[in-house]
Full PDB file with SEQRES, HELIX, SHEET, SSBOND, CRYST1, ORIGX, SCALE, CONECT and MASTER records, all heavy atoms in Angstrom:
SEQRES   1 A   29  MET SER PHE ALA ASP ARG PHE ALA GLY ASP VAL GLU GLU          
SEQRES   2 A   29  PRO GLU PRO PRO PRO GLU PRO VAL PHE HIS GLU ARG PRO          
SEQRES   3 A   29  GLU TRP LEU                                                  
HELIX    1 AA1 PHE A    3  ARG A    6  1                                   4    
HELIX    2 AA2 ALA A    8  ASP A   10  5                                   3    
CRYST1    1.000    1.000    1.000  90.00  90.00  90.00 P 1           1          
ORIGX1      1.000000  0.000000  0.000000        0.00000                         
ORIGX2      0.000000  1.000000  0.000000        0.00000                         
ORIGX3      0.000000  0.000000  1.000000        0.00000                         
SCALE1      1.000000  0.000000  0.000000        0.00000                         
SCALE2      0.000000  1.000000  0.000000        0.00000                         
SCALE3      0.000000  0.000000  1.000000        0.00000                         
ATOM      1  N   MET A   1      -0.387  16.856  23.536  1.00  0.00           N  
ATOM      2  CA  MET A   1       0.124  15.778  22.675  1.00  0.00           C  
ATOM      3  C   MET A   1      -1.040  14.844  22.319  1.00  0.00           C  
ATOM      4  O   MET A   1      -1.796  14.415  23.200  1.00  0.00           O  
ATOM      5  CB  MET A   1       1.222  14.987  23.394  1.00  0.00           C  
ATOM      6  CG  MET A   1       1.723  13.775  22.597  1.00  0.00           C  
ATOM      7  SD  MET A   1       2.983  12.826  23.486  1.00  0.00           S  
ATOM      8  CE  MET A   1       4.329  14.015  23.510  1.00  0.00           C  
ATOM      9  N   SER A   2      -1.147  14.562  21.058  1.00  0.00           N  
ATOM     10  CA  SER A   2      -2.214  13.670  20.620  1.00  0.00           C  
ATOM     11  C   SER A   2      -1.800  12.215  20.810  1.00  0.00           C  
ATOM     12  O   SER A   2      -0.628  11.894  21.016  1.00  0.00           O  
ATOM     13  CB  SER A   2      -2.535  13.918  19.147  1.00  0.00           C  
ATOM     14  OG  SER A   2      -1.464  13.491  18.327  1.00  0.00           O  
ATOM     15  N   PHE A   3      -2.764  11.316  20.737  1.00  0.00           N  
ATOM     16  CA  PHE A   3      -2.485   9.879  20.852  1.00  0.00           C  
ATOM     17  C   PHE A   3      -1.530   9.442  19.753  1.00  0.00           C  
ATOM     18  O   PHE A   3      -0.579   8.692  19.987  1.00  0.00           O  
ATOM     19  CB  PHE A   3      -3.796   9.093  20.758  1.00  0.00           C  
ATOM     20  CG  PHE A   3      -3.646   7.621  21.012  1.00  0.00           C  
ATOM     21  CD1 PHE A   3      -3.810   7.093  22.274  1.00  0.00           C  
ATOM     22  CD2 PHE A   3      -3.323   6.752  19.976  1.00  0.00           C  
ATOM     23  CE1 PHE A   3      -3.665   5.740  22.518  1.00  0.00           C  
ATOM     24  CE2 PHE A   3      -3.169   5.397  20.204  1.00  0.00           C  
ATOM     25  CZ  PHE A   3      -3.346   4.885  21.481  1.00  0.00           C  
ATOM     26  N   ALA A   4      -1.760   9.924  18.513  1.00  0.00           N  
ATOM     27  CA  ALA A   4      -0.913   9.540  17.388  1.00  0.00           C  
ATOM     28  C   ALA A   4       0.523  10.006  17.595  1.00  0.00           C  
ATOM     29  O   ALA A   4       1.475   9.300  17.262  1.00  0.00           O  
ATOM     30  CB  ALA A   4      -1.477  10.108  16.088  1.00  0.00           C  
ATOM     31  N   ASP A   5       0.689  11.241  18.190  1.00  0.00           N  
ATOM     32  CA  ASP A   5       2.042  11.743  18.447  1.00  0.00           C  
ATOM     33  C   ASP A   5       2.739  10.902  19.507  1.00  0.00           C  
ATOM     34  O   ASP A   5       3.934  10.609  19.406  1.00  0.00           O  
ATOM     35  CB  ASP A   5       1.987  13.202  18.896  1.00  0.00           C  
ATOM     36  CG  ASP A   5       1.561  14.130  17.774  1.00  0.00           C  
ATOM     37  OD1 ASP A   5       1.768  13.746  16.597  1.00  0.00           O  
ATOM     38  OD2 ASP A   5       1.018  15.207  18.070  1.00  0.00           O  
ATOM     39  N   ARG A   6       1.994  10.491  20.522  1.00  0.00           N  
ATOM     40  CA  ARG A   6       2.597   9.746  21.629  1.00  0.00           C  
ATOM     41  C   ARG A   6       3.081   8.364  21.207  1.00  0.00           C  
ATOM     42  O   ARG A   6       4.094   7.871  21.683  1.00  0.00           O  
ATOM     43  CB  ARG A   6       1.585   9.628  22.758  1.00  0.00           C  
ATOM     44  CG  ARG A   6       2.165   8.949  23.995  1.00  0.00           C  
ATOM     45  CD  ARG A   6       1.251   9.118  25.177  1.00  0.00           C  
ATOM     46  NE  ARG A   6       1.816   8.529  26.382  1.00  0.00           N  
ATOM     47  CZ  ARG A   6       1.263   8.603  27.587  1.00  0.00           C  
ATOM     48  NH1 ARG A   6       0.125   9.276  27.729  1.00  0.00           N  
ATOM     49  NH2 ARG A   6       1.829   8.040  28.634  1.00  0.00           N  
ATOM     50  N   PHE A   7       2.328   7.737  20.276  1.00  0.00           N  
ATOM     51  CA  PHE A   7       2.683   6.381  19.856  1.00  0.00           C  
ATOM     52  C   PHE A   7       3.166   6.333  18.411  1.00  0.00           C  
ATOM     53  O   PHE A   7       3.044   5.317  17.738  1.00  0.00           O  
ATOM     54  CB  PHE A   7       1.472   5.457  20.023  1.00  0.00           C  
ATOM     55  CG  PHE A   7       1.064   5.261  21.454  1.00  0.00           C  
ATOM     56  CD1 PHE A   7       0.047   6.011  22.005  1.00  0.00           C  
ATOM     57  CD2 PHE A   7       1.732   4.353  22.258  1.00  0.00           C  
ATOM     58  CE1 PHE A   7      -0.329   5.847  23.326  1.00  0.00           C  
ATOM     59  CE2 PHE A   7       1.364   4.175  23.581  1.00  0.00           C  
ATOM     60  CZ  PHE A   7       0.329   4.930  24.118  1.00  0.00           C  
ATOM     61  N   ALA A   8       3.738   7.405  17.966  1.00  0.00           N  
ATOM     62  CA  ALA A   8       4.186   7.466  16.575  1.00  0.00           C  
ATOM     63  C   ALA A   8       5.229   6.418  16.262  1.00  0.00           C  
ATOM     64  O   ALA A   8       5.331   5.925  15.132  1.00  0.00           O  
ATOM     65  CB  ALA A   8       4.731   8.856  16.257  1.00  0.00           C  
ATOM     66  N   GLY A   9       6.029   6.031  17.263  1.00  0.00           N  
ATOM     67  CA  GLY A   9       7.075   5.045  17.018  1.00  0.00           C  
ATOM     68  C   GLY A   9       6.542   3.669  16.701  1.00  0.00           C  
ATOM     69  O   GLY A   9       7.272   2.809  16.193  1.00  0.00           O  
ATOM     70  N   ASP A  10       5.268   3.399  17.038  1.00  0.00           N  
ATOM     71  CA  ASP A  10       4.678   2.084  16.753  1.00  0.00           C  
ATOM     72  C   ASP A  10       4.176   1.963  15.326  1.00  0.00           C  
ATOM     73  O   ASP A  10       3.787   0.883  14.891  1.00  0.00           O  
ATOM     74  CB  ASP A  10       3.505   1.812  17.711  1.00  0.00           C  
ATOM     75  CG  ASP A  10       3.983   1.596  19.144  1.00  0.00           C  
ATOM     76  OD1 ASP A  10       5.180   1.296  19.303  1.00  0.00           O  
ATOM     77  OD2 ASP A  10       3.166   1.728  20.059  1.00  0.00           O  
ATOM     78  N   VAL A  11       4.139   3.065  14.597  1.00  0.00           N  
ATOM     79  CA  VAL A  11       3.583   3.056  13.239  1.00  0.00           C  
ATOM     80  C   VAL A  11       4.718   2.993  12.239  1.00  0.00           C  
ATOM     81  O   VAL A  11       5.559   3.900  12.188  1.00  0.00           O  
ATOM     82  CB  VAL A  11       2.719   4.308  12.973  1.00  0.00           C  
ATOM     83  CG1 VAL A  11       2.160   4.269  11.566  1.00  0.00           C  
ATOM     84  CG2 VAL A  11       1.599   4.396  14.013  1.00  0.00           C  
ATOM     85  N   GLU A  12       4.778   1.926  11.484  1.00  0.00           N  
ATOM     86  CA  GLU A  12       5.824   1.767  10.478  1.00  0.00           C  
ATOM     87  C   GLU A  12       5.379   2.384   9.161  1.00  0.00           C  
ATOM     88  O   GLU A  12       4.192   2.388   8.825  1.00  0.00           O  
ATOM     89  CB  GLU A  12       6.131   0.282  10.266  1.00  0.00           C  
ATOM     90  CG  GLU A  12       6.687  -0.402  11.504  1.00  0.00           C  
ATOM     91  CD  GLU A  12       7.007  -1.861  11.235  1.00  0.00           C  
ATOM     92  OE1 GLU A  12       6.748  -2.319  10.094  1.00  0.00           O  
ATOM     93  OE2 GLU A  12       7.519  -2.534  12.148  1.00  0.00           O  
ATOM     94  N   GLU A  13       6.359   2.916   8.466  1.00  0.00           N  
ATOM     95  CA  GLU A  13       6.063   3.476   7.162  1.00  0.00           C  
ATOM     96  C   GLU A  13       5.607   2.350   6.224  1.00  0.00           C  
ATOM     97  O   GLU A  13       6.286   1.325   6.099  1.00  0.00           O  
ATOM     98  CB  GLU A  13       7.301   4.147   6.570  1.00  0.00           C  
ATOM     99  CG  GLU A  13       7.664   5.454   7.222  1.00  0.00           C  
ATOM    100  CD  GLU A  13       6.622   6.525   6.944  1.00  0.00           C  
ATOM    101  OE1 GLU A  13       6.033   6.487   5.832  1.00  0.00           O  
ATOM    102  OE2 GLU A  13       6.384   7.364   7.817  1.00  0.00           O  
ATOM    103  N   PRO A  14       4.458   2.499   5.604  1.00  0.00           N  
ATOM    104  CA  PRO A  14       3.994   1.433   4.712  1.00  0.00           C  
ATOM    105  C   PRO A  14       4.871   1.329   3.469  1.00  0.00           C  
ATOM    106  O   PRO A  14       5.427   2.331   2.979  1.00  0.00           O  
ATOM    107  CB  PRO A  14       2.579   1.884   4.342  1.00  0.00           C  
ATOM    108  CG  PRO A  14       2.600   3.377   4.486  1.00  0.00           C  
ATOM    109  CD  PRO A  14       3.547   3.644   5.636  1.00  0.00           C  
ATOM    110  N   GLU A  15       5.010   0.107   2.993  1.00  0.00           N  
ATOM    111  CA  GLU A  15       5.760  -0.085   1.758  1.00  0.00           C  
ATOM    112  C   GLU A  15       4.928   0.423   0.582  1.00  0.00           C  
ATOM    113  O   GLU A  15       3.700   0.317   0.582  1.00  0.00           O  
ATOM    114  CB  GLU A  15       6.082  -1.563   1.564  1.00  0.00           C  
ATOM    115  CG  GLU A  15       7.011  -2.133   2.608  1.00  0.00           C  
ATOM    116  CD  GLU A  15       7.365  -3.573   2.311  1.00  0.00           C  
ATOM    117  OE1 GLU A  15       6.928  -4.090   1.252  1.00  0.00           O  
ATOM    118  OE2 GLU A  15       8.074  -4.181   3.127  1.00  0.00           O  
ATOM    119  N   PRO A  16       5.601   0.981  -0.403  1.00  0.00           N  
ATOM    120  CA  PRO A  16       4.837   1.468  -1.564  1.00  0.00           C  
ATOM    121  C   PRO A  16       4.138   0.297  -2.257  1.00  0.00           C  
ATOM    122  O   PRO A  16       4.667  -0.814  -2.313  1.00  0.00           O  
ATOM    123  CB  PRO A  16       5.915   2.086  -2.464  1.00  0.00           C  
ATOM    124  CG  PRO A  16       7.198   1.430  -2.032  1.00  0.00           C  
ATOM    125  CD  PRO A  16       7.050   1.166  -0.570  1.00  0.00           C  
ATOM    126  N   PRO A  17       2.945   0.535  -2.758  1.00  0.00           N  
ATOM    127  CA  PRO A  17       2.219  -0.546  -3.435  1.00  0.00           C  
ATOM    128  C   PRO A  17       2.959  -0.973  -4.704  1.00  0.00           C  
ATOM    129  O   PRO A  17       3.669  -0.165  -5.324  1.00  0.00           O  
ATOM    130  CB  PRO A  17       0.870   0.096  -3.774  1.00  0.00           C  
ATOM    131  CG  PRO A  17       1.143   1.565  -3.827  1.00  0.00           C  
ATOM    132  CD  PRO A  17       2.220   1.802  -2.803  1.00  0.00           C  
ATOM    133  N   PRO A  18       2.831  -2.233  -5.080  1.00  0.00           N  
ATOM    134  CA  PRO A  18       3.509  -2.697  -6.293  1.00  0.00           C  
ATOM    135  C   PRO A  18       2.926  -2.036  -7.535  1.00  0.00           C  
ATOM    136  O   PRO A  18       1.773  -1.586  -7.544  1.00  0.00           O  
ATOM    137  CB  PRO A  18       3.234  -4.205  -6.307  1.00  0.00           C  
ATOM    138  CG  PRO A  18       1.990  -4.359  -5.485  1.00  0.00           C  
ATOM    139  CD  PRO A  18       2.056  -3.302  -4.440  1.00  0.00           C  
ATOM    140  N   GLU A  19       3.735  -1.952  -8.559  1.00  0.00           N  
ATOM    141  CA  GLU A  19       3.259  -1.389  -9.813  1.00  0.00           C  
ATOM    142  C   GLU A  19       2.146  -2.271 -10.373  1.00  0.00           C  
ATOM    143  O   GLU A  19       2.233  -3.503 -10.339  1.00  0.00           O  
ATOM    144  CB  GLU A  19       4.404  -1.322 -10.832  1.00  0.00           C  
ATOM    145  CG  GLU A  19       5.454  -0.279 -10.508  1.00  0.00           C  
ATOM    146  CD  GLU A  19       4.893   1.127 -10.640  1.00  0.00           C  
ATOM    147  OE1 GLU A  19       4.054   1.361 -11.541  1.00  0.00           O  
ATOM    148  OE2 GLU A  19       5.283   2.000  -9.838  1.00  0.00           O  
ATOM    149  N   PRO A  20       1.073  -1.653 -10.856  1.00  0.00           N  
ATOM    150  CA  PRO A  20      -0.015  -2.460 -11.426  1.00  0.00           C  
ATOM    151  C   PRO A  20       0.470  -3.240 -12.645  1.00  0.00           C  
ATOM    152  O   PRO A  20       1.271  -2.751 -13.440  1.00  0.00           O  
ATOM    153  CB  PRO A  20      -1.073  -1.411 -11.809  1.00  0.00           C  
ATOM    154  CG  PRO A  20      -0.315  -0.130 -11.946  1.00  0.00           C  
ATOM    155  CD  PRO A  20       0.809  -0.213 -10.955  1.00  0.00           C  
ATOM    156  N   VAL A  21      -0.015  -4.451 -12.753  1.00  0.00           N  
ATOM    157  CA  VAL A  21       0.345  -5.314 -13.877  1.00  0.00           C  
ATOM    158  C   VAL A  21      -0.854  -5.430 -14.809  1.00  0.00           C  
ATOM    159  O   VAL A  21      -1.958  -5.758 -14.371  1.00  0.00           O  
ATOM    160  CB  VAL A  21       0.766  -6.720 -13.397  1.00  0.00           C  
ATOM    161  CG1 VAL A  21       1.093  -7.620 -14.581  1.00  0.00           C  
ATOM    162  CG2 VAL A  21       1.960  -6.609 -12.455  1.00  0.00           C  
ATOM    163  N   PHE A  22      -0.635  -5.129 -16.064  1.00  0.00           N  
ATOM    164  CA  PHE A  22      -1.707  -5.216 -17.050  1.00  0.00           C  
ATOM    165  C   PHE A  22      -1.739  -6.629 -17.635  1.00  0.00           C  
ATOM    166  O   PHE A  22      -0.756  -7.104 -18.176  1.00  0.00           O  
ATOM    167  CB  PHE A  22      -1.490  -4.195 -18.173  1.00  0.00           C  
ATOM    168  CG  PHE A  22      -2.483  -4.342 -19.301  1.00  0.00           C  
ATOM    169  CD1 PHE A  22      -3.808  -4.008 -19.120  1.00  0.00           C  
ATOM    170  CD2 PHE A  22      -2.072  -4.832 -20.527  1.00  0.00           C  
ATOM    171  CE1 PHE A  22      -4.725  -4.150 -20.154  1.00  0.00           C  
ATOM    172  CE2 PHE A  22      -2.978  -4.973 -21.569  1.00  0.00           C  
ATOM    173  CZ  PHE A  22      -4.303  -4.629 -21.375  1.00  0.00           C  
ATOM    174  N   HIS A  23      -2.872  -7.295 -17.458  1.00  0.00           N  
ATOM    175  CA  HIS A  23      -3.052  -8.628 -18.018  1.00  0.00           C  
ATOM    176  C   HIS A  23      -4.003  -8.533 -19.214  1.00  0.00           C  
ATOM    177  O   HIS A  23      -5.165  -8.150 -19.064  1.00  0.00           O  
ATOM    178  CB  HIS A  23      -3.628  -9.592 -16.973  1.00  0.00           C  
ATOM    179  CG  HIS A  23      -2.716  -9.827 -15.811  1.00  0.00           C  
ATOM    180  ND1 HIS A  23      -1.625 -10.668 -15.880  1.00  0.00           N  
ATOM    181  CD2 HIS A  23      -2.717  -9.319 -14.547  1.00  0.00           C  
ATOM    182  CE1 HIS A  23      -1.002 -10.687 -14.719  1.00  0.00           C  
ATOM    183  NE2 HIS A  23      -1.641  -9.869 -13.896  1.00  0.00           N  
ATOM    184  N   GLU A  24      -3.486  -8.861 -20.349  1.00  0.00           N  
ATOM    185  CA  GLU A  24      -4.299  -8.782 -21.555  1.00  0.00           C  
ATOM    186  C   GLU A  24      -5.191 -10.001 -21.659  1.00  0.00           C  
ATOM    187  O   GLU A  24      -4.736 -11.141 -21.622  1.00  0.00           O  
ATOM    188  CB  GLU A  24      -3.391  -8.710 -22.792  1.00  0.00           C  
ATOM    189  CG  GLU A  24      -4.165  -8.608 -24.097  1.00  0.00           C  
ATOM    190  CD  GLU A  24      -3.221  -8.610 -25.282  1.00  0.00           C  
ATOM    191  OE1 GLU A  24      -1.998  -8.595 -25.065  1.00  0.00           O  
ATOM    192  OE2 GLU A  24      -3.720  -8.636 -26.414  1.00  0.00           O  
ATOM    193  N   ARG A  25      -6.500  -9.787 -21.759  1.00  0.00           N  
ATOM    194  CA  ARG A  25      -7.433 -10.895 -21.893  1.00  0.00           C  
ATOM    195  C   ARG A  25      -7.399 -11.411 -23.320  1.00  0.00           C  
ATOM    196  O   ARG A  25      -7.537 -10.639 -24.269  1.00  0.00           O  
ATOM    197  CB  ARG A  25      -8.856 -10.459 -21.546  1.00  0.00           C  
ATOM    198  CG  ARG A  25      -9.846 -11.612 -21.557  1.00  0.00           C  
ATOM    199  CD  ARG A  25     -11.244 -11.146 -21.269  1.00  0.00           C  
ATOM    200  NE  ARG A  25     -11.768 -10.336 -22.362  1.00  0.00           N  
ATOM    201  CZ  ARG A  25     -12.986  -9.802 -22.390  1.00  0.00           C  
ATOM    202  NH1 ARG A  25     -13.775  -9.966 -21.346  1.00  0.00           N  
ATOM    203  NH2 ARG A  25     -13.392  -9.084 -23.400  1.00  0.00           N  
ATOM    204  N   PRO A  26      -7.212 -12.712 -23.495  1.00  0.00           N  
ATOM    205  CA  PRO A  26      -7.220 -13.260 -24.859  1.00  0.00           C  
ATOM    206  C   PRO A  26      -8.538 -12.957 -25.564  1.00  0.00           C  
ATOM    207  O   PRO A  26      -9.605 -12.992 -24.949  1.00  0.00           O  
ATOM    208  CB  PRO A  26      -7.039 -14.761 -24.633  1.00  0.00           C  
ATOM    209  CG  PRO A  26      -6.364 -14.874 -23.315  1.00  0.00           C  
ATOM    210  CD  PRO A  26      -6.909 -13.742 -22.488  1.00  0.00           C  
ATOM    211  N   GLU A  27      -8.473 -12.659 -26.848  1.00  0.00           N  
ATOM    212  CA  GLU A  27      -9.670 -12.240 -27.565  1.00  0.00           C  
ATOM    213  C   GLU A  27     -10.692 -13.350 -27.693  1.00  0.00           C  
ATOM    214  O   GLU A  27     -11.884 -13.090 -27.903  1.00  0.00           O  
ATOM    215  CB  GLU A  27      -9.309 -11.701 -28.953  1.00  0.00           C  
ATOM    216  CG  GLU A  27      -8.730 -12.742 -29.898  1.00  0.00           C  
ATOM    217  CD  GLU A  27      -8.604 -12.191 -31.318  1.00  0.00           C  
ATOM    218  OE1 GLU A  27      -9.019 -11.038 -31.538  1.00  0.00           O  
ATOM    219  OE2 GLU A  27      -8.141 -12.923 -32.180  1.00  0.00           O  
ATOM    220  N   TRP A  28     -10.271 -14.613 -27.553  1.00  0.00           N  
ATOM    221  CA  TRP A  28     -11.235 -15.699 -27.695  1.00  0.00           C  
ATOM    222  C   TRP A  28     -12.075 -15.894 -26.431  1.00  0.00           C  
ATOM    223  O   TRP A  28     -13.013 -16.683 -26.422  1.00  0.00           O  
ATOM    224  CB  TRP A  28     -10.536 -16.994 -28.053  1.00  0.00           C  
ATOM    225  CG  TRP A  28      -9.518 -17.473 -27.065  1.00  0.00           C  
ATOM    226  CD1 TRP A  28      -9.730 -18.246 -25.961  1.00  0.00           C  
ATOM    227  CD2 TRP A  28      -8.118 -17.209 -27.102  1.00  0.00           C  
ATOM    228  NE1 TRP A  28      -8.562 -18.467 -25.306  1.00  0.00           N  
ATOM    229  CE2 TRP A  28      -7.539 -17.852 -25.978  1.00  0.00           C  
ATOM    230  CE3 TRP A  28      -7.279 -16.505 -27.972  1.00  0.00           C  
ATOM    231  CZ2 TRP A  28      -6.177 -17.803 -25.705  1.00  0.00           C  
ATOM    232  CZ3 TRP A  28      -5.926 -16.452 -27.686  1.00  0.00           C  
ATOM    233  CH2 TRP A  28      -5.394 -17.095 -26.579  1.00  0.00           C  
ATOM    234  N   LEU A  29     -11.774 -15.170 -25.356  1.00  0.00           N  
ATOM    235  CA  LEU A  29     -12.534 -15.321 -24.120  1.00  0.00           C  
ATOM    236  C   LEU A  29     -13.718 -14.373 -24.014  1.00  0.00           C  
ATOM    237  O   LEU A  29     -14.417 -14.370 -23.010  1.00  0.00           O  
ATOM    238  CB  LEU A  29     -11.619 -15.126 -22.905  1.00  0.00           C  
ATOM    239  CG  LEU A  29     -10.643 -16.265 -22.638  1.00  0.00           C  
ATOM    240  CD1 LEU A  29      -9.855 -15.997 -21.368  1.00  0.00           C  
ATOM    241  CD2 LEU A  29     -11.366 -17.602 -22.536  1.00  0.00           C  
TER     242      LEU A  29                                                      
MASTER        0    0    0    2    0    0    0    6  241    1    0    3          
END                                                                             
């Protein structure tokens, strides 16, 4: 048994990353 298998219960499933948000840079900048 590996270390990861033995302590698998301590590892929570990560939340999916948020959808990327596109920020349009104003043309005057």
